[in-house]
Amino acid sequence: MTITDRTHDPALRSWVASANLPGADFPVQNLPLGRFRRRGVDEPLRVGVAIGDQVLDLKLAAAQCPWAEEIHPLLEPLAAGDLAAFMALGRPAWKALRAALSAALAEGSDQGPFLELCLLPQSQAEMALPCRIGDYTDFFAGIHHARAAGALFRPENPLLPNYQWVPIGYHGRASSVIVGGGSVKRPHGQVRTSTEVPRFGPSRRLDYELELGLWVGVGNPLGTPVTMAQAEQRLFGITLLNDWSARDLQAWESQPLGPFLAKSFATSVSPWVVSFEALAPFRRPLTRPEGDPDPLPYLDSDFNRAHGAIEITLEAWLQTARMRKQGLPAVRLSRSSALDAYWTPAQLLAHHTSNGCNLNTGDLLGTGTLSGAQPGQGGCLLELTRGGREPLTLADGEQRALLEDGDTVTLKAWCEAPGAVRIGLGAVSGTVAPA
């Protein structure tokens, strides 16, 4: 089955020169969407397309550029800043607009002279959440993270028996999902250490988690499960996601239920939503270790076996306050791959709805921490430092077991493969502020 089309052609180049630079996150083969307005200007949000180091303002583009008649209705919600309304239109609309934007932004386009007037440097754009998030669910799809974290607390039984059968998840707090780039205040909560009486105060064991966020484009009615085939048609796109975690709060309050205050104080997402259409050249077969059980039928399909996984490289970077003061760059803490995820995006959505749970346009699903099996591939400090017992030594001599005030964490991700143009997800950053 061919899942790519002419918008993925590696020979395509854009009249926006910065989109053609080697290693650019946003070439014409990507075309992610995000909500923005001009920095420092009190004006309504609108949806834009990232192209090179620019943003194509779709409000201006809809008004000033000629488009085919069938494209105007697709641009209307985007010009109004309502990405969710566009997402709700479904995959045929998504593909049609992508094709139109690809042609308009390609070299030699007759629309180029009109659209040149609709560009804004990304450095001058104030980004917002892609849309209002009704619900947020965080999964546990990274098996290497599950094993590594489990080994710290259950050395004799690190991977629980349900892991290979059911995608584990919990309902998070949608109201505290924020667009990256700002500060994250160290949370307060209950912690119990060696004393009988727990203390209430600032978390002393703050961590990040390197994840992907999946955006639901088309929802399902209550009581109507989504099949695997339907799941592929309902997922709109992907962003980076940092599931900030207070490990000391989590250890005390997660007995016997799951995370609560340890997670709900902040979750950061990157501002640009990379569509599943853009990811087509990087879809890969789902592989499981030899001897692992096959998924149950409701979590299985021929398409998922052939194309369910996505080849995305992920990195976590850290710059401390002292490094920033000395003018030192951030250091890379880890590099991992989304191919190591045990469950695919379609499986997460299909399982979420399998009991009849209704998902809505704009709902956000976190994959869970995406780690690799080798040293330096842990997606959080809990793994990289073995629970804080083996602190990392940074380039300036500082050590880190967990995050300190003033630390800036930046997550990055991109896709590359032979015969395809590299595309990026951009980055999401956050700086730890004192409690």
Protein backbone atom coordinates (compact mmCIF):
# COMPACT_ATOMS: atom_id res chain seq x y z
CA MET A 1 0.00 0.00 0.00
CA THR A 2 1.33 3.44 -0.95
CA ILE A 3 0.70 5.95 1.82
CA THR A 4 2.71 8.86 0.40
CA ASP A 5 1.71 11.33 -2.33
CA ARG A 6 3.16 14.24 -4.27
CA THR A 7 3.32 16.46 -1.17
CA HIS A 8 6.10 14.18 0.10
CA ASP A 9 8.20 14.38 -3.08
CA PRO A 10 11.81 14.94 -1.93
CA ALA A 11 12.43 17.05 -5.04
CA LEU A 12 9.90 19.67 -3.90
CA ARG A 13 11.40 23.00 -2.92
CA SER A 14 9.75 26.14 -1.59
CA TRP A 15 10.03 29.75 -2.66
CA VAL A 16 10.57 30.43 1.07
CA ALA A 17 14.36 30.08 1.03
CA SER A 18 14.79 29.07 4.70
CA ALA A 19 12.54 26.03 4.11
CA ASN A 20 15.16 24.56 1.78
CA LEU A 21 18.09 24.68 4.19
CA PRO A 22 19.54 21.27 5.16
CA GLY A 23 18.21 20.13 8.51
CA ALA A 24 15.32 22.61 8.55
CA ASP A 25 12.44 21.47 10.76
CA PHE A 26 9.80 22.95 8.51
CA PRO A 27 10.44 22.26 4.81
CA VAL A 28 7.54 22.30 2.35
CA GLN A 29 7.10 18.54 2.98
CA ASN A 30 6.05 19.25 6.60
CA LEU A 31 3.51 22.15 6.81
CA PRO A 32 2.48 21.89 10.49
CA LEU A 33 -0.31 24.07 11.86
CA GLY A 34 -0.35 26.23 14.98
CA ARG A 35 -2.21 29.18 16.53
CA PHE A 36 -0.42 32.50 16.85
CA ARG A 37 -0.58 36.27 16.74
CA ARG A 38 2.06 38.91 16.22
CA ARG A 39 4.14 39.31 19.35
CA GLY A 40 3.20 42.36 21.38
CA VAL A 41 0.00 43.03 19.43
CA ASP A 42 -3.43 42.56 21.00
CA GLU A 43 -5.15 40.88 18.09
CA PRO A 44 -7.24 37.70 17.68
CA LEU A 45 -5.40 34.42 17.31
CA ARG A 46 -5.30 32.87 13.88
CA VAL A 47 -3.88 29.62 12.52
CA GLY A 48 -0.61 29.64 10.63
CA VAL A 49 1.62 27.20 8.77
CA ALA A 50 5.28 26.87 9.73
CA ILE A 51 7.44 27.10 6.61
CA GLY A 52 11.19 27.47 7.12
CA ASP A 53 11.71 30.16 9.74
CA GLN A 54 8.45 31.88 8.79
CA VAL A 55 4.75 31.57 9.60
CA LEU A 56 2.23 31.77 6.79
CA ASP A 57 -0.71 33.69 8.24
CA LEU A 58 -3.80 31.86 6.98
CA LYS A 59 -6.11 34.75 7.87
CA LEU A 60 -4.19 37.00 5.50
CA ALA A 61 -3.71 34.19 2.99
CA ALA A 62 -7.44 33.50 2.83
CA ALA A 63 -8.19 37.18 2.18
CA GLN A 64 -5.34 38.16 -0.15
CA CYS A 65 -4.55 35.07 -2.21
CA PRO A 66 -6.63 33.31 -4.90
CA TRP A 67 -7.56 29.72 -4.03
CA ALA A 68 -9.60 27.02 -5.67
CA GLU A 69 -13.27 27.28 -4.77
CA GLU A 70 -13.26 24.12 -2.64
CA ILE A 71 -10.35 25.39 -0.50
CA HIS A 72 -12.08 28.54 0.80
CA PRO A 73 -14.36 26.65 3.25
CA LEU A 74 -11.30 24.85 4.64
CA LEU A 75 -9.46 28.12 5.26
CA GLU A 76 -12.38 29.83 6.99
CA PRO A 77 -12.05 28.18 10.43
CA LEU A 78 -8.26 28.56 10.30
CA ALA A 79 -8.52 32.26 9.48
CA ALA A 80 -10.81 32.56 12.51
CA GLY A 81 -8.22 30.85 14.74
CA ASP A 82 -10.35 27.74 15.21
CA LEU A 83 -8.05 24.81 14.50
CA ALA A 84 -10.47 22.43 16.25
CA ALA A 85 -13.23 23.25 13.76
CA PHE A 86 -10.89 22.39 10.91
CA MET A 87 -9.74 19.18 12.64
CA ALA A 88 -13.37 18.11 12.99
CA LEU A 89 -13.78 18.15 9.18
CA GLY A 90 -11.87 14.87 8.89
CA ARG A 91 -9.08 13.41 6.79
CA PRO A 92 -10.37 14.28 3.29
CA ALA A 93 -10.37 17.96 4.28
CA TRP A 94 -6.94 17.68 5.91
CA LYS A 95 -5.46 16.10 2.78
CA ALA A 96 -7.10 18.62 0.47
CA LEU A 97 -5.75 21.62 2.36
CA ARG A 98 -2.29 20.05 2.64
CA ALA A 99 -2.19 19.55 -1.13
CA ALA A 100 -3.29 23.14 -1.73
CA LEU A 101 -0.72 24.58 0.68
CA SER A 102 2.02 22.40 -0.78
CA ALA A 103 1.32 23.65 -4.28
CA ALA A 104 1.02 27.28 -3.14
CA LEU A 105 4.32 27.23 -1.23
CA ALA A 106 6.30 25.30 -3.85
CA GLU A 107 8.80 26.97 -6.15
CA GLY A 108 7.17 28.44 -9.25
CA SER A 109 3.73 28.81 -7.64
CA ASP A 110 1.53 31.53 -9.12
CA GLN A 111 0.29 32.18 -5.57
CA GLY A 112 3.77 32.95 -4.27
CA PRO A 113 3.67 36.74 -4.89
CA PHE A 114 0.41 36.96 -2.93
CA LEU A 115 1.57 34.76 -0.06
CA GLU A 116 4.92 36.56 0.34
CA LEU A 117 2.88 39.37 1.89
CA CYS A 118 1.34 36.93 4.40
CA LEU A 119 4.58 35.76 6.05
CA LEU A 120 5.74 36.59 9.57
CA PRO A 121 9.11 35.56 11.04
CA GLN A 122 8.56 32.90 13.69
CA SER A 123 10.67 34.99 16.06
CA GLN A 124 7.93 37.63 15.91
CA ALA A 125 5.06 35.20 16.55
CA GLU A 126 3.46 34.63 19.94
CA MET A 127 2.32 31.00 19.97
CA ALA A 128 -0.73 29.62 21.80
CA LEU A 129 -2.11 26.15 22.49
CA PRO A 130 -3.25 24.64 19.17
CA CYS A 131 -6.83 24.50 20.45
CA ARG A 132 -8.88 24.17 23.62
CA ILE A 133 -8.19 20.77 25.20
CA GLY A 134 -11.29 19.13 26.59
CA ASP A 135 -9.61 16.02 28.02
CA TYR A 136 -6.07 14.77 28.42
CA THR A 137 -5.01 11.14 28.88
CA ASP A 138 -1.44 10.02 29.46
CA PHE A 139 -0.40 6.51 28.47
CA PHE A 140 2.56 4.28 29.35
CA ALA A 141 3.57 3.11 25.86
CA GLY A 142 7.34 3.13 26.38
CA ILE A 143 8.25 -0.39 27.45
CA HIS A 144 11.88 0.45 28.24
CA HIS A 145 10.72 3.24 30.57
CA ALA A 146 8.23 0.85 32.15
CA ARG A 147 10.97 -1.70 32.77
CA ALA A 148 13.53 0.82 34.03
CA ALA A 149 11.10 2.55 36.38
CA GLY A 150 9.68 -0.76 37.53
CA ALA A 151 13.17 -2.10 38.31
CA LEU A 152 13.74 0.79 40.72
CA PHE A 153 10.69 -0.12 42.80
CA ARG A 154 10.12 -3.82 42.01
CA PRO A 155 13.53 -5.32 41.12
CA GLU A 156 12.12 -8.83 41.19
CA ASN A 157 9.17 -8.00 38.92
CA PRO A 158 9.82 -4.77 36.95
CA LEU A 159 7.23 -5.33 34.19
CA LEU A 160 3.75 -6.10 35.46
CA PRO A 161 1.91 -8.96 33.70
CA ASN A 162 -0.77 -6.73 32.13
CA TYR A 163 1.72 -4.54 30.24
CA GLN A 164 1.99 -6.75 27.15
CA TRP A 165 -1.79 -7.00 26.83
CA VAL A 166 -3.36 -3.65 27.67
CA PRO A 167 -2.22 -0.07 26.96
CA ILE A 168 -1.95 1.43 30.44
CA GLY A 169 -3.04 5.03 30.94
CA TYR A 170 -4.54 7.52 33.36
CA HIS A 171 -6.67 10.63 32.97
CA GLY A 172 -4.59 13.79 33.37
CA ARG A 173 -5.53 17.40 33.92
CA ALA A 174 -6.36 19.27 30.71
CA SER A 175 -6.52 22.69 32.36
CA SER A 176 -2.80 22.68 33.22
CA VAL A 177 -1.58 21.77 29.73
CA ILE A 178 0.44 24.76 28.54
CA VAL A 179 2.32 25.73 25.40
CA GLY A 180 6.07 25.51 25.97
CA GLY A 181 8.51 28.38 26.25
CA GLY A 182 7.72 29.75 29.70
CA SER A 183 8.36 28.82 33.30
CA VAL A 184 7.03 25.88 35.29
CA LYS A 185 6.54 26.56 38.98
CA ARG A 186 7.85 23.90 41.35
CA PRO A 187 4.76 22.32 42.90
CA HIS A 188 3.79 21.79 46.53
CA GLY A 189 2.41 18.54 47.85
CA GLN A 190 2.58 15.85 50.49
CA VAL A 191 5.76 13.80 50.84
CA ARG A 192 6.53 11.05 53.31
CA THR A 193 10.12 9.93 53.84
CA SER A 194 11.41 8.24 56.97
CA THR A 195 9.08 9.93 59.45
CA GLU A 196 5.61 8.76 60.38
CA VAL A 197 3.96 12.09 59.57
CA PRO A 198 4.20 13.33 55.95
CA ARG A 199 5.36 16.87 55.28
CA PHE A 200 3.66 19.40 53.02
CA GLY A 201 5.96 21.59 50.99
CA PRO A 202 7.76 22.10 47.68
CA SER A 203 8.74 19.02 45.71
CA ARG A 204 12.43 18.21 46.05
CA ARG A 205 12.48 15.63 43.25
CA LEU A 206 11.24 17.35 40.10
CA ASP A 207 11.67 15.57 36.78
CA TYR A 208 10.69 15.81 33.12
CA GLU A 209 9.34 13.09 30.84
CA LEU A 210 10.06 12.98 27.10
CA GLU A 211 6.81 12.14 25.30
CA LEU A 212 4.75 12.72 22.18
CA GLY A 213 1.29 14.26 22.27
CA LEU A 214 -1.39 12.89 19.92
CA TRP A 215 -4.24 15.21 18.90
CA VAL A 216 -7.68 13.73 18.27
CA GLY A 217 -9.17 15.21 15.12
CA VAL A 218 -12.56 13.50 14.89
CA GLY A 219 -14.34 12.27 18.00
CA ASN A 220 -16.72 9.34 18.56
CA PRO A 221 -20.18 9.23 20.15
CA LEU A 222 -20.53 7.89 23.69
CA GLY A 223 -20.98 4.12 23.60
CA THR A 224 -19.42 3.72 20.16
CA PRO A 225 -15.94 2.16 20.15
CA VAL A 226 -13.46 3.13 17.44
CA THR A 227 -11.92 0.31 15.40
CA MET A 228 -8.26 0.23 14.47
CA ALA A 229 -9.09 1.27 10.89
CA GLN A 230 -11.19 4.17 12.16
CA ALA A 231 -8.49 5.23 14.62
CA GLU A 232 -6.09 5.99 11.80
CA GLN A 233 -8.71 8.29 10.27
CA ARG A 234 -9.40 10.16 13.51
CA LEU A 235 -5.87 11.08 14.64
CA PHE A 236 -4.93 14.52 13.35
CA GLY A 237 -1.33 15.13 14.37
CA ILE A 238 1.56 14.98 16.81
CA THR A 239 3.43 17.41 19.05
CA LEU A 240 6.18 17.07 21.61
CA LEU A 241 5.00 16.73 25.20
CA ASN A 242 6.82 17.16 28.52
CA ASP A 243 4.99 15.45 31.36
CA TRP A 244 6.56 17.31 34.29
CA SER A 245 6.65 14.98 37.30
CA ALA A 246 7.22 15.48 41.02
CA ARG A 247 8.69 12.10 41.92
CA ASP A 248 8.49 12.52 45.71
CA LEU A 249 4.81 13.50 45.57
CA GLN A 250 4.15 10.67 43.13
CA ALA A 251 5.69 7.98 45.35
CA TRP A 252 3.52 8.92 48.33
CA GLU A 253 0.19 9.72 46.69
CA SER A 254 0.16 6.89 44.11
CA GLN A 255 -0.72 4.27 46.72
CA PRO A 256 -3.00 2.66 45.60
CA LEU A 257 -4.24 4.89 42.77
CA GLY A 258 -2.27 6.63 40.03
CA PRO A 259 -0.61 10.04 39.71
CA PHE A 260 -2.52 13.09 40.93
CA LEU A 261 -0.83 16.28 42.18
CA ALA A 262 2.54 14.89 41.08
CA LYS A 263 1.50 15.38 37.45
CA SER A 264 -1.36 17.87 37.31
CA PHE A 265 0.64 21.06 38.01
CA ALA A 266 1.94 21.38 34.41
CA THR A 267 2.24 19.56 31.10
CA SER A 268 4.04 21.38 28.27
CA VAL A 269 3.39 20.85 24.56
CA SER A 270 5.15 22.23 21.50
CA PRO A 271 3.12 24.75 19.48
CA TRP A 272 3.23 23.17 16.00
CA VAL A 273 1.03 20.16 15.21
CA VAL A 274 2.69 17.92 12.62
CA SER A 275 -0.01 16.08 10.70
CA PHE A 276 -0.12 12.33 10.27
CA GLU A 277 -0.09 13.07 6.51
CA ALA A 278 3.36 14.65 6.89
CA LEU A 279 4.55 11.60 8.83
CA ALA A 280 3.65 9.12 6.07
CA PRO A 281 7.24 8.58 4.78
CA PHE A 282 8.32 7.64 8.30
CA ARG A 283 5.67 5.04 9.09
CA ARG A 284 7.18 1.65 9.90
CA PRO A 285 6.01 -1.88 10.73
CA LEU A 286 5.08 -2.57 14.33
CA THR A 287 7.56 -5.05 15.76
CA ARG A 288 7.40 -6.93 19.03
CA PRO A 289 10.16 -8.93 20.74
CA GLU A 290 10.14 -12.61 19.85
CA GLY A 291 7.91 -14.53 22.24
CA ASP A 292 5.70 -11.57 23.16
CA PRO A 293 1.97 -12.15 22.62
CA ASP A 294 0.15 -10.74 19.61
CA PRO A 295 -2.27 -7.89 20.41
CA LEU A 296 -5.87 -8.91 20.99
CA PRO A 297 -7.97 -8.63 17.80
CA TYR A 298 -9.48 -5.24 18.68
CA LEU A 299 -5.93 -3.81 18.84
CA ASP A 300 -4.72 -5.45 15.63
CA SER A 301 -4.98 -4.70 11.90
CA ASP A 302 -3.01 -5.35 8.75
CA PHE A 303 -2.31 -1.63 8.35
CA ASN A 304 -1.07 -1.32 11.91
CA ARG A 305 1.28 -4.27 11.48
CA ALA A 306 2.68 -2.75 8.28
CA HIS A 307 2.66 0.99 9.11
CA GLY A 308 1.59 1.49 12.74
CA ALA A 309 4.93 2.64 14.15
CA ILE A 310 6.57 6.01 13.41
CA GLU A 311 10.32 6.61 13.13
CA ILE A 312 10.86 9.75 15.23
CA THR A 313 14.14 10.63 16.92
CA LEU A 314 13.71 12.36 20.29
CA GLU A 315 16.19 14.27 22.43
CA ALA A 316 16.23 15.96 25.84
CA TRP A 317 18.55 18.90 26.54
CA LEU A 318 19.38 20.72 29.77
CA GLN A 319 20.79 24.18 30.46
CA THR A 320 21.27 25.11 34.11
CA ALA A 321 21.05 28.67 35.45
CA ARG A 322 24.83 28.68 35.95
CA MET A 323 25.45 27.53 32.38
CA ARG A 324 23.15 30.24 31.08
CA LYS A 325 24.95 32.90 33.17
CA GLN A 326 28.33 31.73 31.82
CA GLY A 327 27.07 31.69 28.25
CA LEU A 328 27.38 27.91 27.95
CA PRO A 329 24.99 26.04 25.63
CA ALA A 330 22.58 23.34 26.73
CA VAL A 331 23.86 19.77 26.93
CA ARG A 332 22.08 16.76 25.54
CA LEU A 333 20.90 14.34 28.21
CA SER A 334 19.42 11.61 26.02
CA ARG A 335 18.44 10.45 22.57
CA SER A 336 15.75 7.84 21.92
CA SER A 337 13.34 6.70 19.22
CA ALA A 338 9.57 6.45 19.02
CA LEU A 339 10.10 3.10 17.30
CA ASP A 340 10.70 1.68 20.78
CA ALA A 341 7.10 2.38 21.79
CA TYR A 342 5.25 -0.85 22.56
CA TRP A 343 1.86 0.51 21.48
CA THR A 344 1.09 2.56 18.36
CA PRO A 345 -0.99 5.76 18.26
CA ALA A 346 -3.91 3.90 16.67
CA GLN A 347 -3.82 1.24 19.39
CA LEU A 348 -3.91 3.92 22.09
CA LEU A 349 -6.98 5.56 20.58
CA ALA A 350 -8.76 2.29 19.84
CA HIS A 351 -8.19 1.02 23.37
CA HIS A 352 -9.29 4.33 24.91
CA THR A 353 -12.66 4.04 23.16
CA SER A 354 -13.05 0.27 23.45
CA ASN A 355 -15.36 0.58 26.47
CA GLY A 356 -17.48 3.18 24.68
CA CYS A 357 -15.61 6.19 26.06
CA ASN A 358 -16.24 9.20 23.85
CA LEU A 359 -13.26 11.25 22.68
CA ASN A 360 -13.76 14.73 21.29
CA THR A 361 -12.02 16.92 18.75
CA GLY A 362 -9.00 18.50 20.41
CA ASP A 363 -8.53 15.84 23.07
CA LEU A 364 -4.88 15.15 23.82
CA LEU A 365 -3.25 11.74 24.34
CA GLY A 366 0.27 11.46 25.77
CA THR A 367 2.31 8.44 24.74
CA GLY A 368 4.17 8.12 28.02
CA THR A 369 7.94 8.41 28.35
CA LEU A 370 9.72 7.17 25.23
CA SER A 371 13.05 5.64 26.24
CA GLY A 372 15.47 3.23 24.64
CA ALA A 373 17.09 0.15 26.15
CA GLN A 374 20.68 1.46 26.08
CA PRO A 375 22.54 3.88 28.39
CA GLY A 376 21.86 7.48 27.43
CA GLN A 377 18.43 6.64 26.03
CA GLY A 378 16.34 7.24 29.15
CA GLY A 379 13.53 9.71 28.65
CA CYS A 380 13.70 11.19 32.16
CA LEU A 381 16.19 11.81 34.96
CA LEU A 382 14.63 9.03 37.04
CA GLU A 383 16.04 6.56 34.50
CA LEU A 384 19.25 8.38 33.61
CA THR A 385 20.33 8.65 37.26
CA ARG A 386 18.81 5.37 38.49
CA GLY A 387 16.42 7.11 40.81
CA GLY A 388 18.96 9.79 41.77
CA ARG A 389 21.57 7.31 42.98
CA GLU A 390 23.96 8.05 40.08
CA PRO A 391 23.83 11.82 39.35
CA LEU A 392 24.84 13.10 35.94
CA THR A 393 27.97 15.26 35.69
CA LEU A 394 27.41 18.12 33.24
CA ALA A 395 29.95 19.86 31.00
CA ASP A 396 30.57 22.67 33.53
CA GLY A 397 31.10 20.23 36.40
CA GLU A 398 27.65 20.58 37.94
CA GLN A 399 25.75 17.45 38.88
CA ARG A 400 22.07 16.68 38.51
CA ALA A 401 20.02 13.90 40.03
CA LEU A 402 16.74 15.80 39.61
CA LEU A 403 15.88 19.28 38.35
CA GLU A 404 16.86 22.41 40.27
CA ASP A 405 15.36 25.90 40.13
CA GLY A 406 16.53 27.75 37.03
CA ASP A 407 17.07 24.59 34.98
CA THR A 408 15.71 24.77 31.43
CA VAL A 409 14.66 21.50 29.81
CA THR A 410 14.24 21.45 26.02
CA LEU A 411 12.80 18.52 24.10
CA LYS A 412 13.41 18.16 20.36
CA ALA A 413 12.28 15.65 17.73
CA TRP A 414 12.59 15.00 14.03
CA CYS A 415 12.04 12.34 11.37
CA GLU A 416 14.53 11.34 8.70
CA ALA A 417 14.85 8.38 6.37
CA PRO A 418 16.47 7.51 3.03
CA GLY A 419 14.49 8.90 0.11
CA ALA A 420 12.57 11.39 2.26
CA VAL A 421 13.14 15.00 3.32
CA ARG A 422 13.84 15.42 7.02
CA ILE A 423 11.00 17.06 8.95
CA GLY A 424 10.98 18.28 12.53
CA LEU A 425 8.47 18.69 15.34
CA GLY A 426 10.25 21.81 16.58
CA ALA A 427 10.99 22.03 20.29
CA VAL A 428 9.31 22.51 23.65
CA SER A 429 11.13 24.21 26.53
CA GLY A 430 10.36 25.00 30.13
CA THR A 431 12.34 26.63 32.94
CA VAL A 432 11.86 25.54 36.54
CA ALA A 433 10.72 28.45 38.71
CA PRO A 434 10.93 28.39 42.53
CA ALA A 435 7.89 27.20 44.47
